[in-house]
PDB file of N, CA and C in Angstrom:
ATOM      1  N   MET A   1      87.847 -85.622 -37.103  1.00  0.00           N
ATOM      2  CA  MET A   1      87.283 -85.750 -38.292  1.00  0.00           C
ATOM      3  C   MET A   1      86.672 -86.990 -38.531  1.00  0.00           C
ATOM      4  N   LYS A   2      85.381 -86.924 -39.037  1.00  0.00           N
ATOM      5  CA  LYS A   2      85.071 -88.422 -39.491  1.00  0.00           C
ATOM      6  C   LYS A   2      85.351 -88.877 -40.838  1.00  0.00           C
ATOM      7  N   ILE A   3      85.605 -90.311 -40.746  1.00  0.00           N
ATOM      8  CA  ILE A   3      86.218 -90.706 -41.876  1.00  0.00           C
ATOM      9  C   ILE A   3      84.622 -91.246 -43.162  1.00  0.00           C
ATOM     10  N   PRO A   4      85.269 -91.378 -44.194  1.00  0.00           N
ATOM     11  CA  PRO A   4      84.127 -91.617 -45.078  1.00  0.00           C
ATOM     12  C   PRO A   4      83.508 -92.607 -44.725  1.00  0.00           C
ATOM     13  N   LYS A   5      83.903 -93.910 -44.404  1.00  0.00           N
ATOM     14  CA  LYS A   5      82.723 -95.401 -44.212  1.00  0.00           C
ATOM     15  C   LYS A   5      82.036 -94.587 -43.093  1.00  0.00           C
ATOM     16  N   ASP A   6      82.567 -93.836 -41.578  1.00  0.00           N
ATOM     17  CA  ASP A   6      81.337 -93.502 -40.919  1.00  0.00           C
ATOM     18  C   ASP A   6      80.078 -92.938 -41.401  1.00  0.00           C
ATOM     19  N   ILE A   7      80.547 -91.991 -42.812  1.00  0.00           N
ATOM     20  CA  ILE A   7      79.454 -91.407 -43.492  1.00  0.00           C
ATOM     21  C   ILE A   7      78.650 -92.130 -43.585  1.00  0.00           C
ATOM     22  N   GLN A   8      78.842 -93.114 -44.382  1.00  0.00           N
ATOM     23  CA  GLN A   8      78.357 -94.008 -45.734  1.00  0.00           C
ATOM     24  C   GLN A   8      77.477 -94.845 -44.942  1.00  0.00           C
ATOM     25  N   GLU A   9      77.786 -94.960 -43.077  1.00  0.00           N
ATOM     26  CA  GLU A   9      77.409 -95.938 -42.708  1.00  0.00           C
ATOM     27  C   GLU A   9      75.892 -95.439 -42.315  1.00  0.00           C
ATOM     28  N   ASN A  10      76.095 -94.017 -42.087  1.00  0.00           N
ATOM     29  CA  ASN A  10      74.868 -92.933 -41.360  1.00  0.00           C
ATOM     30  C   ASN A  10      74.114 -93.060 -42.661  1.00  0.00           C
ATOM     31  N   ILE A  11      74.498 -92.478 -43.696  1.00  0.00           N
ATOM     32  CA  ILE A  11      73.323 -92.483 -44.703  1.00  0.00           C
ATOM     33  C   ILE A  11      72.845 -94.063 -44.774  1.00  0.00           C
ATOM     34  N   ASP A  12      73.197 -94.942 -44.941  1.00  0.00           N
ATOM     35  CA  ASP A  12      72.921 -95.966 -44.762  1.00  0.00           C
ATOM     36  C   ASP A  12      71.544 -96.631 -44.150  1.00  0.00           C
ATOM     37  N   THR A  13      71.847 -95.967 -42.377  1.00  0.00           N
ATOM     38  CA  THR A  13      71.007 -96.113 -41.435  1.00  0.00           C
ATOM     39  C   THR A  13      69.797 -95.468 -41.948  1.00  0.00           C
ATOM     40  N   THR A  14      70.020 -94.048 -42.484  1.00  0.00           N
ATOM     41  CA  THR A  14      68.859 -93.367 -42.591  1.00  0.00           C
ATOM     42  C   THR A  14      68.070 -93.824 -43.873  1.00  0.00           C
ATOM     43  N   PHE A  15      68.431 -94.588 -44.542  1.00  0.00           N
ATOM     44  CA  PHE A  15      67.427 -95.161 -45.895  1.00  0.00           C
ATOM     45  C   PHE A  15      67.037 -96.424 -45.281  1.00  0.00           C
ATOM     46  N   ASP A  16      67.274 -97.100 -44.010  1.00  0.00           N
ATOM     47  CA  ASP A  16      66.882 -98.007 -43.696  1.00  0.00           C
ATOM     48  C   ASP A  16      65.694 -98.107 -42.365  1.00  0.00           C
ATOM     49  N   VAL A  17      65.981 -96.712 -42.253  1.00  0.00           N
ATOM     50  CA  VAL A  17      64.661 -96.105 -41.352  1.00  0.00           C
ATOM     51  C   VAL A  17      63.186 -95.625 -42.553  1.00  0.00           C
ATOM     52  N   ILE A  18      64.023 -95.307 -43.659  1.00  0.00           N
ATOM     53  CA  ILE A  18      63.106 -94.835 -44.633  1.00  0.00           C
ATOM     54  C   ILE A  18      62.225 -96.065 -44.864  1.00  0.00           C
ATOM     55  N   ASP A  19      62.696 -96.871 -45.263  1.00  0.00           N
ATOM     56  CA  ASP A  19      61.707 -98.120 -45.663  1.00  0.00           C
ATOM     57  C   ASP A  19      61.436 -98.759 -44.407  1.00  0.00           C
ATOM     58  N   THR A  20      61.486 -98.545 -43.362  1.00  0.00           N
ATOM     59  CA  THR A  20      60.511 -99.240 -41.981  1.00  0.00           C
ATOM     60  C   THR A  20      58.923 -98.178 -41.754  1.00  0.00           C
ATOM     61  N   ILE A  21      59.164 -97.254 -42.441  1.00  0.00           N
ATOM     62  CA  ILE A  21      58.181 -96.072 -42.382  1.00  0.00           C
ATOM     63  C   ILE A  21      56.503 -97.057 -42.942  1.00  0.00           C
ATOM     64  N   ASN A  22      55.674 -96.587 -42.458  1.00  0.00           N
ATOM     65  CA  ASN A  22      54.426 -97.454 -43.139  1.00  0.00           C
ATOM     66  C   ASN A  22      53.025 -96.456 -42.952  1.00  0.00           C
ATOM     67  N   GLU A  23      52.304 -97.209 -43.945  1.00  0.00           N
ATOM     68  CA  GLU A  23      51.383 -95.842 -44.256  1.00  0.00           C
ATOM     69  C   GLU A  23      50.227 -95.933 -43.009  1.00  0.00           C
ATOM     70  N   VAL A  24      50.194 -94.950 -42.158  1.00  0.00           N
ATOM     71  CA  VAL A  24      49.077 -94.853 -41.468  1.00  0.00           C
ATOM     72  C   VAL A  24      47.866 -94.658 -41.769  1.00  0.00           C
ATOM     73  N   LYS A  25      46.720 -95.786 -41.146  1.00  0.00           N
ATOM     74  CA  LYS A  25      45.443 -96.298 -41.342  1.00  0.00           C
ATOM     75  C   LYS A  25      44.932 -95.313 -40.445  1.00  0.00           C
ATOM     76  N   VAL A  26      43.764 -94.437 -41.432  1.00  0.00           N
ATOM     77  CA  VAL A  26      42.905 -93.365 -40.643  1.00  0.00           C
ATOM     78  C   VAL A  26      41.462 -93.487 -40.974  1.00  0.00           C
ATOM     79  N   SER A  27      40.506 -92.968 -39.766  1.00  0.00           N
ATOM     80  CA  SER A  27      39.395 -93.185 -39.927  1.00  0.00           C
ATOM     81  C   SER A  27      38.995 -92.801 -41.567  1.00  0.00           C
ATOM     82  N   PRO A  28      38.029 -93.202 -42.198  1.00  0.00           N
ATOM     83  CA  PRO A  28      37.693 -92.556 -43.450  1.00  0.00           C
ATOM     84  C   PRO A  28      37.055 -91.070 -43.251  1.00  0.00           C
ATOM     85  N   PHE A  29      36.439 -91.001 -42.002  1.00  0.00           N
ATOM     86  CA  PHE A  29      35.877 -89.876 -41.708  1.00  0.00           C
ATOM     87  C   PHE A  29      36.169 -88.665 -41.095  1.00  0.00           C
ATOM     88  N   PHE A  30      37.368 -89.293 -40.740  1.00  0.00           N
ATOM     89  CA  PHE A  30      38.570 -87.742 -40.165  1.00  0.00           C
ATOM     90  C   PHE A  30      38.743 -86.665 -40.531  1.00  0.00           C
ATOM     91  N   ARG A  31      39.026 -86.927 -42.343  1.00  0.00           N
ATOM     92  CA  ARG A  31      38.952 -85.650 -43.115  1.00  0.00           C
ATOM     93  C   ARG A  31      37.670 -84.684 -43.189  1.00  0.00           C
ATOM     94  N   ASP A  32      36.925 -85.340 -42.921  1.00  0.00           N
ATOM     95  CA  ASP A  32      35.281 -84.425 -42.745  1.00  0.00           C
ATOM     96  C   ASP A  32      35.151 -83.608 -41.549  1.00  0.00           C
ATOM     97  N   LYS A  33      35.348 -84.922 -40.360  1.00  0.00           N
ATOM     98  CA  LYS A  33      35.219 -83.985 -38.854  1.00  0.00           C
ATOM     99  C   LYS A  33      36.727 -82.773 -39.015  1.00  0.00           C
ATOM    100  N   THR A  34      37.600 -83.278 -39.232  1.00  0.00           N
ATOM    101  CA  THR A  34      38.434 -81.874 -39.277  1.00  0.00           C
ATOM    102  C   THR A  34      38.097 -81.108 -39.843  1.00  0.00           C
ATOM    103  N   MET A  35      37.973 -81.155 -41.016  1.00  0.00           N
ATOM    104  CA  MET A  35      36.974 -79.745 -41.941  1.00  0.00           C
ATOM    105  C   MET A  35      36.045 -79.200 -41.859  1.00  0.00           C
ATOM    106  N   GLN A  36      35.280 -80.199 -41.224  1.00  0.00           N
ATOM    107  CA  GLN A  36      33.638 -79.520 -39.968  1.00  0.00           C
ATOM    108  C   GLN A  36      34.226 -78.360 -38.996  1.00  0.00           C
ATOM    109  N   ARG A  37      35.268 -79.181 -38.046  1.00  0.00           N
ATOM    110  CA  ARG A  37      35.688 -78.090 -36.504  1.00  0.00           C
ATOM    111  C   ARG A  37      36.233 -76.611 -37.328  1.00  0.00           C
ATOM    112  N   LEU A  38      37.117 -77.049 -38.628  1.00  0.00           N
ATOM    113  CA  LEU A  38      37.792 -75.625 -38.897  1.00  0.00           C
ATOM    114  C   LEU A  38      36.952 -74.501 -39.407  1.00  0.00           C
ATOM    115  N   PHE A  39      35.594 -74.585 -40.241  1.00  0.00           N
ATOM    116  CA  PHE A  39      34.760 -73.896 -40.763  1.00  0.00           C
ATOM    117  C   PHE A  39      34.120 -73.839 -39.642  1.00  0.00           C
ATOM    118  N   SER A  40      33.737 -74.651 -38.557  1.00  0.00           N
ATOM    119  CA  SER A  40      32.714 -74.103 -37.752  1.00  0.00           C
ATOM    120  C   SER A  40      33.403 -72.747 -36.509  1.00  0.00           C
ATOM    121  N   GLU A  41      34.777 -73.611 -36.188  1.00  0.00           N
ATOM    122  CA  GLU A  41      35.184 -71.947 -35.563  1.00  0.00           C
ATOM    123  C   GLU A  41      35.630 -70.783 -36.264  1.00  0.00           C
ATOM    124  N   LYS A  42      35.732 -70.728 -37.664  1.00  0.00           N
ATOM    125  CA  LYS A  42      36.156 -69.668 -38.530  1.00  0.00           C
ATOM    126  C   LYS A  42      34.627 -69.221 -38.038  1.00  0.00           C
ATOM    127  N   GLU A  43      33.385 -69.899 -38.568  1.00  0.00           N
ATOM    128  CA  GLU A  43      32.018 -68.900 -38.188  1.00  0.00           C
ATOM    129  C   GLU A  43      31.559 -68.559 -36.961  1.00  0.00           C
ATOM    130  N   GLU A  44      32.080 -69.473 -36.046  1.00  0.00           N
ATOM    131  CA  GLU A  44      32.034 -68.960 -34.813  1.00  0.00           C
ATOM    132  C   GLU A  44      32.593 -67.160 -34.786  1.00  0.00           C
ATOM    133  N   ALA A  45      34.038 -67.296 -35.093  1.00  0.00           N
ATOM    134  CA  ALA A  45      34.685 -66.311 -34.753  1.00  0.00           C
ATOM    135  C   ALA A  45      33.884 -64.824 -35.435  1.00  0.00           C
ATOM    136  N   VAL A  46      33.855 -65.022 -36.503  1.00  0.00           N
ATOM    137  CA  VAL A  46      33.296 -63.852 -37.270  1.00  0.00           C
ATOM    138  C   VAL A  46      31.679 -63.535 -36.343  1.00  0.00           C
ATOM    139  N   SER A  47      30.975 -64.769 -36.291  1.00  0.00           N
ATOM    140  CA  SER A  47      29.343 -64.006 -36.002  1.00  0.00           C
ATOM    141  C   SER A  47      29.295 -63.454 -34.341  1.00  0.00           C
ATOM    142  N   THR A  48      30.074 -63.808 -33.982  1.00  0.00           N
ATOM    143  CA  THR A  48      30.095 -63.481 -32.472  1.00  0.00           C
ATOM    144  C   THR A  48      30.312 -61.653 -32.542  1.00  0.00           C
ATOM    145  N   GLY A  49      31.269 -60.970 -33.360  1.00  0.00           N
ATOM    146  CA  GLY A  49      31.316 -59.333 -33.507  1.00  0.00           C
ATOM    147  C   GLY A  49      30.270 -58.956 -33.808  1.00  0.00           C
ATOM    148  N   PHE A  50      29.437 -59.007 -34.896  1.00  0.00           N
ATOM    149  CA  PHE A  50      28.243 -58.341 -34.735  1.00  0.00           C
ATOM    150  C   PHE A  50      26.445 -59.250 -34.718  1.00  0.00           C
ATOM    151  N   GLY A  51      26.655 -59.718 -33.666  1.00  0.00           N
ATOM    152  CA  GLY A  51      25.434 -60.628 -33.649  1.00  0.00           C
ATOM    153  C   GLY A  51      24.269 -59.867 -33.332  1.00  0.00           C
ATOM    154  N   TRP A  52      24.473 -58.967 -32.722  1.00  0.00           N
ATOM    155  CA  TRP A  52      23.521 -58.007 -31.973  1.00  0.00           C
ATOM    156  C   TRP A  52      22.415 -57.317 -32.901  1.00  0.00           C
ATOM    157  N   LEU A  53      23.373 -56.800 -34.153  1.00  0.00           N
ATOM    158  CA  LEU A  53      23.215 -55.889 -35.294  1.00  0.00           C
ATOM    159  C   LEU A  53      22.435 -56.662 -36.236  1.00  0.00           C
ATOM    160  N   SER A  54      21.225 -57.438 -36.120  1.00  0.00           N
ATOM    161  CA  SER A  54      20.367 -58.308 -37.221  1.00  0.00           C
ATOM    162  C   SER A  54      19.695 -57.518 -37.520  1.00  0.00           C
ATOM    163  N   PRO A  55      18.972 -57.551 -38.831  1.00  0.00           N
ATOM    164  CA  PRO A  55      18.270 -57.078 -40.004  1.00  0.00           C
ATOM    165  C   PRO A  55      16.786 -56.568 -38.897  1.00  0.00           C
ATOM    166  N   LYS A  56      16.730 -57.251 -38.118  1.00  0.00           N
ATOM    167  CA  LYS A  56      15.273 -56.564 -36.953  1.00  0.00           C
ATOM    168  C   LYS A  56      15.404 -55.375 -36.077  1.00  0.00           C
ATOM    169  N   LEU A  57      16.354 -55.424 -35.883  1.00  0.00           N
ATOM    170  CA  LEU A  57      17.044 -54.646 -34.804  1.00  0.00           C
ATOM    171  C   LEU A  57      17.642 -53.623 -35.413  1.00  0.00           C
ATOM    172  N   GLN A  58      18.066 -53.195 -36.978  1.00  0.00           N
ATOM    173  CA  GLN A  58      18.045 -52.232 -37.594  1.00  0.00           C
ATOM    174  C   GLN A  58      16.985 -51.847 -37.729  1.00  0.00           C
ATOM    175  N   LEU A  59      15.746 -52.164 -38.706  1.00  0.00           N
ATOM    176  CA  LEU A  59      14.782 -51.706 -38.546  1.00  0.00           C
ATOM    177  C   LEU A  59      14.188 -51.459 -37.762  1.00  0.00           C
ATOM    178  N   ALA A  60      14.223 -51.526 -36.362  1.00  0.00           N
ATOM    179  CA  ALA A  60      13.571 -51.241 -35.346  1.00  0.00           C
ATOM    180  C   ALA A  60      13.685 -49.991 -34.496  1.00  0.00           C
ATOM    181  N   THR A  61      15.053 -49.855 -35.238  1.00  0.00           N
ATOM    182  CA  THR A  61      15.961 -48.758 -34.700  1.00  0.00           C
ATOM    183  C   THR A  61      15.471 -47.542 -35.908  1.00  0.00           C
ATOM    184  N   PHE A  62      15.493 -47.747 -37.262  1.00  0.00           N
ATOM    185  CA  PHE A  62      15.162 -46.879 -38.007  1.00  0.00           C
ATOM    186  C   PHE A  62      13.501 -46.186 -37.821  1.00  0.00           C
ATOM    187  N   VAL A  63      12.888 -47.206 -37.358  1.00  0.00           N
ATOM    188  CA  VAL A  63      11.287 -47.163 -37.128  1.00  0.00           C
ATOM    189  C   VAL A  63      11.293 -45.683 -35.719  1.00  0.00           C
ATOM    190  N   CYS A  64      12.223 -46.021 -34.900  1.00  0.00           N
ATOM    191  CA  CYS A  64      12.357 -45.019 -33.806  1.00  0.00           C
ATOM    192  C   CYS A  64      12.796 -44.037 -34.155  1.00  0.00           C
ATOM    193  N   VAL A  65      13.860 -44.102 -34.527  1.00  0.00           N
ATOM    194  CA  VAL A  65      14.820 -42.282 -35.602  1.00  0.00           C
ATOM    195  C   VAL A  65      13.564 -41.625 -36.205  1.00  0.00           C
ATOM    196  N   LEU A  66      12.939 -42.917 -37.091  1.00  0.00           N
ATOM    197  CA  LEU A  66      12.123 -42.050 -37.795  1.00  0.00           C
ATOM    198  C   LEU A  66      10.844 -41.415 -36.703  1.00  0.00           C
ATOM    199  N   LEU A  67      10.078 -41.955 -36.004  1.00  0.00           N
ATOM    200  CA  LEU A  67       9.114 -41.437 -35.024  1.00  0.00           C
ATOM    201  C   LEU A  67       9.426 -39.870 -34.190  1.00  0.00           C
ATOM    202  N   ILE A  68      11.087 -40.459 -33.582  1.00  0.00           N
ATOM    203  CA  ILE A  68      11.424 -39.353 -33.240  1.00  0.00           C
ATOM    204  C   ILE A  68      11.331 -37.917 -33.800  1.00  0.00           C
ATOM    205  N   ASN A  69      11.700 -38.170 -35.071  1.00  0.00           N
ATOM    206  CA  ASN A  69      12.216 -36.724 -35.754  1.00  0.00           C
ATOM    207  C   ASN A  69      10.606 -36.273 -36.546  1.00  0.00           C
ATOM    208  N   ILE A  70       9.836 -36.811 -36.509  1.00  0.00           N
ATOM    209  CA  ILE A  70       8.321 -36.741 -36.800  1.00  0.00           C
ATOM    210  C   ILE A  70       7.816 -35.624 -36.003  1.00  0.00           C
ATOM    211  N   PHE A  71       8.623 -36.239 -34.792  1.00  0.00           N
ATOM    212  CA  PHE A  71       7.462 -35.643 -33.672  1.00  0.00           C
ATOM    213  C   PHE A  71       7.974 -34.065 -33.516  1.00  0.00           C
ATOM    214  N   GLY A  72       9.285 -33.965 -33.305  1.00  0.00           N
ATOM    215  CA  GLY A  72      10.261 -33.087 -33.108  1.00  0.00           C
ATOM    216  C   GLY A  72       9.522 -32.532 -34.332  1.00  0.00           C
ATOM    217  N   ILE A  73       9.792 -32.400 -35.844  1.00  0.00           N
ATOM    218  CA  ILE A  73       9.197 -31.274 -36.303  1.00  0.00           C
ATOM    219  C   ILE A  73       7.819 -30.913 -36.487  1.00  0.00           C
ATOM    220  N   TYR A  74       6.578 -31.820 -35.638  1.00  0.00           N
ATOM    221  CA  TYR A  74       5.089 -31.355 -35.440  1.00  0.00           C
ATOM    222  C   TYR A  74       5.587 -30.341 -34.339  1.00  0.00           C
ATOM    223  N   GLN A  75       6.521 -30.689 -33.598  1.00  0.00           N
ATOM    224  CA  GLN A  75       6.346 -29.471 -31.823  1.00  0.00           C
ATOM    225  C   GLN A  75       7.119 -28.047 -32.776  1.00  0.00           C
ATOM    226  N   LEU A  76       7.927 -28.548 -33.200  1.00  0.00           N
ATOM    227  CA  LEU A  76       8.613 -27.141 -34.028  1.00  0.00           C
ATOM    228  C   LEU A  76       7.933 -26.171 -34.866  1.00  0.00           C
ATOM    229  N   ASN A  77       6.860 -26.876 -35.427  1.00  0.00           N
ATOM    230  CA  ASN A  77       6.150 -26.149 -36.355  1.00  0.00           C
ATOM    231  C   ASN A  77       4.323 -25.288 -35.887  1.00  0.00           C
ATOM    232  N   LYS A  78       4.778 -25.625 -34.492  1.00  0.00           N
ATOM    233  CA  LYS A  78       3.678 -25.126 -33.639  1.00  0.00           C
ATOM    234  C   LYS A  78       3.962 -23.662 -33.320  1.00  0.00           C
ATOM    235  N   THR A  79       2.686 -23.009 -33.435  1.00  0.00           N
ATOM    236  CA  THR A  79       2.883 -21.781 -33.410  1.00  0.00           C
ATOM    237  C   THR A  79       2.794 -21.288 -31.715  1.00  0.00           C
ATOM    238  N   GLU A  80       2.528 -21.649 -31.045  1.00  0.00           N
ATOM    239  CA  GLU A  80       3.003 -21.578 -29.233  1.00  0.00           C
ATOM    240  C   GLU A  80       4.377 -21.513 -29.119  1.00  0.00           C
ATOM    241  N   TYR A  81       5.183 -22.353 -29.910  1.00  0.00           N
ATOM    242  CA  TYR A  81       6.598 -21.659 -29.688  1.00  0.00           C
ATOM    243  C   TYR A  81       7.018 -20.678 -30.070  1.00  0.00           C
ATOM    244  N   ASP A  82       6.571 -19.902 -31.541  1.00  0.00           N
ATOM    245  CA  ASP A  82       6.801 -18.479 -31.664  1.00  0.00           C
ATOM    246  C   ASP A  82       6.478 -17.412 -30.523  1.00  0.00           C
ATOM    247  N   ASN A  83       5.330 -18.114 -29.968  1.00  0.00           N
ATOM    248  CA  ASN A  83       4.777 -16.829 -29.089  1.00  0.00           C
ATOM    249  C   ASN A  83       5.184 -16.884 -27.827  1.00  0.00           C
ATOM    250  N   ASN A  84       5.185 -18.233 -26.952  1.00  0.00           N
ATOM    251  CA  ASN A  84       6.233 -18.060 -26.251  1.00  0.00           C
ATOM    252  C   ASN A  84       8.271 -17.120 -26.142  1.00  0.00           C
ATOM    253  N   ILE A  85       8.256 -17.193 -27.329  1.00  0.00           N
ATOM    254  CA  ILE A  85       9.836 -16.904 -27.751  1.00  0.00           C
ATOM    255  C   ILE A  85       9.457 -14.830 -27.768  1.00  0.00           C
ATOM    256  N   SER A  86       8.437 -15.234 -28.653  1.00  0.00           N
ATOM    257  CA  SER A  86       8.181 -13.690 -28.777  1.00  0.00           C
ATOM    258  C   SER A  86       7.870 -12.502 -26.975  1.00  0.00           C
ATOM    259  N   ASP A  87       6.666 -13.260 -26.389  1.00  0.00           N
ATOM    260  CA  ASP A  87       7.077 -12.908 -24.477  1.00  0.00           C
ATOM    261  C   ASP A  87       7.632 -12.929 -23.856  1.00  0.00           C
ATOM    262  N   PHE A  88       9.013 -13.673 -24.183  1.00  0.00           N
ATOM    263  CA  PHE A  88      10.315 -13.737 -23.340  1.00  0.00           C
ATOM    264  C   PHE A  88      11.006 -12.592 -23.887  1.00  0.00           C
ATOM    265  N   ALA A  89      11.092 -12.270 -24.704  1.00  0.00           N
ATOM    266  CA  ALA A  89      11.657 -11.120 -25.785  1.00  0.00           C
ATOM    267  C   ALA A  89      11.747  -9.946 -25.556  1.00  0.00           C
ATOM    268  N   THR A  90       9.889  -9.543 -25.267  1.00  0.00           N
ATOM    269  CA  THR A  90       9.448  -8.429 -24.521  1.00  0.00           C
ATOM    270  C   THR A  90       9.579  -8.151 -23.157  1.00  0.00           C
ATOM    271  N   MET A  91       9.547  -9.570 -22.724  1.00  0.00           N
ATOM    272  CA  MET A  91      10.137  -9.255 -21.216  1.00  0.00           C
ATOM    273  C   MET A  91      11.339  -8.861 -20.366  1.00  0.00           C
ATOM    274  N   TYR A  92      12.300  -9.298 -21.536  1.00  0.00           N
ATOM    275  CA  TYR A  92      13.330  -8.867 -21.103  1.00  0.00           C
ATOM    276  C   TYR A  92      13.742  -8.052 -21.686  1.00  0.00           C
ATOM    277  N   GLU A  93      12.960  -7.280 -22.504  1.00  0.00           N
ATOM    278  CA  GLU A  93      13.993  -6.388 -23.619  1.00  0.00           C
ATOM    279  C   GLU A  93      14.680  -6.576 -24.949  1.00  0.00           C
ATOM    280  N   LEU A  94      14.256  -7.681 -25.263  1.00  0.00           N
ATOM    281  CA  LEU A  94      15.674  -8.310 -26.426  1.00  0.00           C
ATOM    282  C   LEU A  94      14.706  -7.983 -27.386  1.00  0.00           C
ATOM    283  N   GLY A  95      13.946  -7.314 -28.104  1.00  0.00           N
ATOM    284  CA  GLY A  95      13.147  -7.696 -29.140  1.00  0.00           C
ATOM    285  C   GLY A  95      14.476  -6.513 -30.074  1.00  0.00           C
ATOM    286  N   ALA A  96      13.845  -5.993 -30.998  1.00  0.00           N
ATOM    287  CA  ALA A  96      14.370  -4.546 -32.063  1.00  0.00           C
ATOM    288  C   ALA A  96      14.087  -3.283 -31.472  1.00  0.00           C
ATOM    289  N   GLU A  97      15.408  -2.708 -31.727  1.00  0.00           N
ATOM    290  CA  GLU A  97      15.241  -1.287 -30.863  1.00  0.00           C
ATOM    291  C   GLU A  97      14.433  -0.577 -31.758  1.00  0.00           C
ATOM    292  N   GLU A  98      13.392   0.442 -31.007  1.00  0.00           N
ATOM    293  CA  GLU A  98      12.583   1.502 -31.809  1.00  0.00           C
ATOM    294  C   GLU A  98      13.106   2.446 -32.122  1.00  0.00           C
ATOM    295  N   SER A  99      13.776   2.918 -31.219  1.00  0.00           N
ATOM    296  CA  SER A  99      14.486   4.023 -30.723  1.00  0.00           C
ATOM    297  C   SER A  99      15.676   4.308 -31.758  1.00  0.00           C
ATOM    298  N   PRO A 100      16.108   5.579 -32.038  1.00  0.00           N
ATOM    299  CA  PRO A 100      17.709   5.454 -32.833  1.00  0.00           C
ATOM    300  C   PRO A 100      18.392   5.318 -32.199  1.00  0.00           C
ATOM    301  N   SER A 101      19.686   4.803 -32.119  1.00  0.00           N
ATOM    302  CA  SER A 101      20.975   4.956 -31.705  1.00  0.00           C
ATOM    303  C   SER A 101      21.704   5.726 -32.189  1.00  0.00           C
ATOM    304  N   LEU A 102      22.843   6.015 -31.473  1.00  0.00           N
ATOM    305  CA  LEU A 102      24.023   6.626 -31.816  1.00  0.00           C
ATOM    306  C   LEU A 102      24.772   6.193 -32.907  1.00  0.00           C
ATOM    307  N   PHE A 103      24.928   5.218 -32.990  1.00  0.00           N
ATOM    308  CA  PHE A 103      25.308   4.307 -33.923  1.00  0.00           C
ATOM    309  C   PHE A 103      24.680   4.279 -35.347  1.00  0.00           C
ATOM    310  N   ASN A 104      23.886   4.352 -35.690  1.00  0.00           N
ATOM    311  CA  ASN A 104      23.163   4.397 -36.580  1.00  0.00           C
ATOM    312  C   ASN A 104      23.456   5.930 -37.643  1.00  0.00           C
TER     313      ASN A 104
END
């Protein structure tokens, strides 16, 4: 067990060490450089995720989808499609029955 005299000596040496601490001289631009590095790393981490999804690419994608839809609607409204379906139905006898069935 330590005696109080040893404890007092430890306290005194601790205070002596505190007195020897000096102020550190830092370059005046150290803070600016550090802040710039911190913020540049954060910006790079955020921008790498969706960098390919730029507004120009979004607009080009929208135009392509719009053109494909317009072309599809135009092709759907052609009368050749209806004629081809009618010919197919009559060829394979898929049309509406004209003769009465037992279940009617």
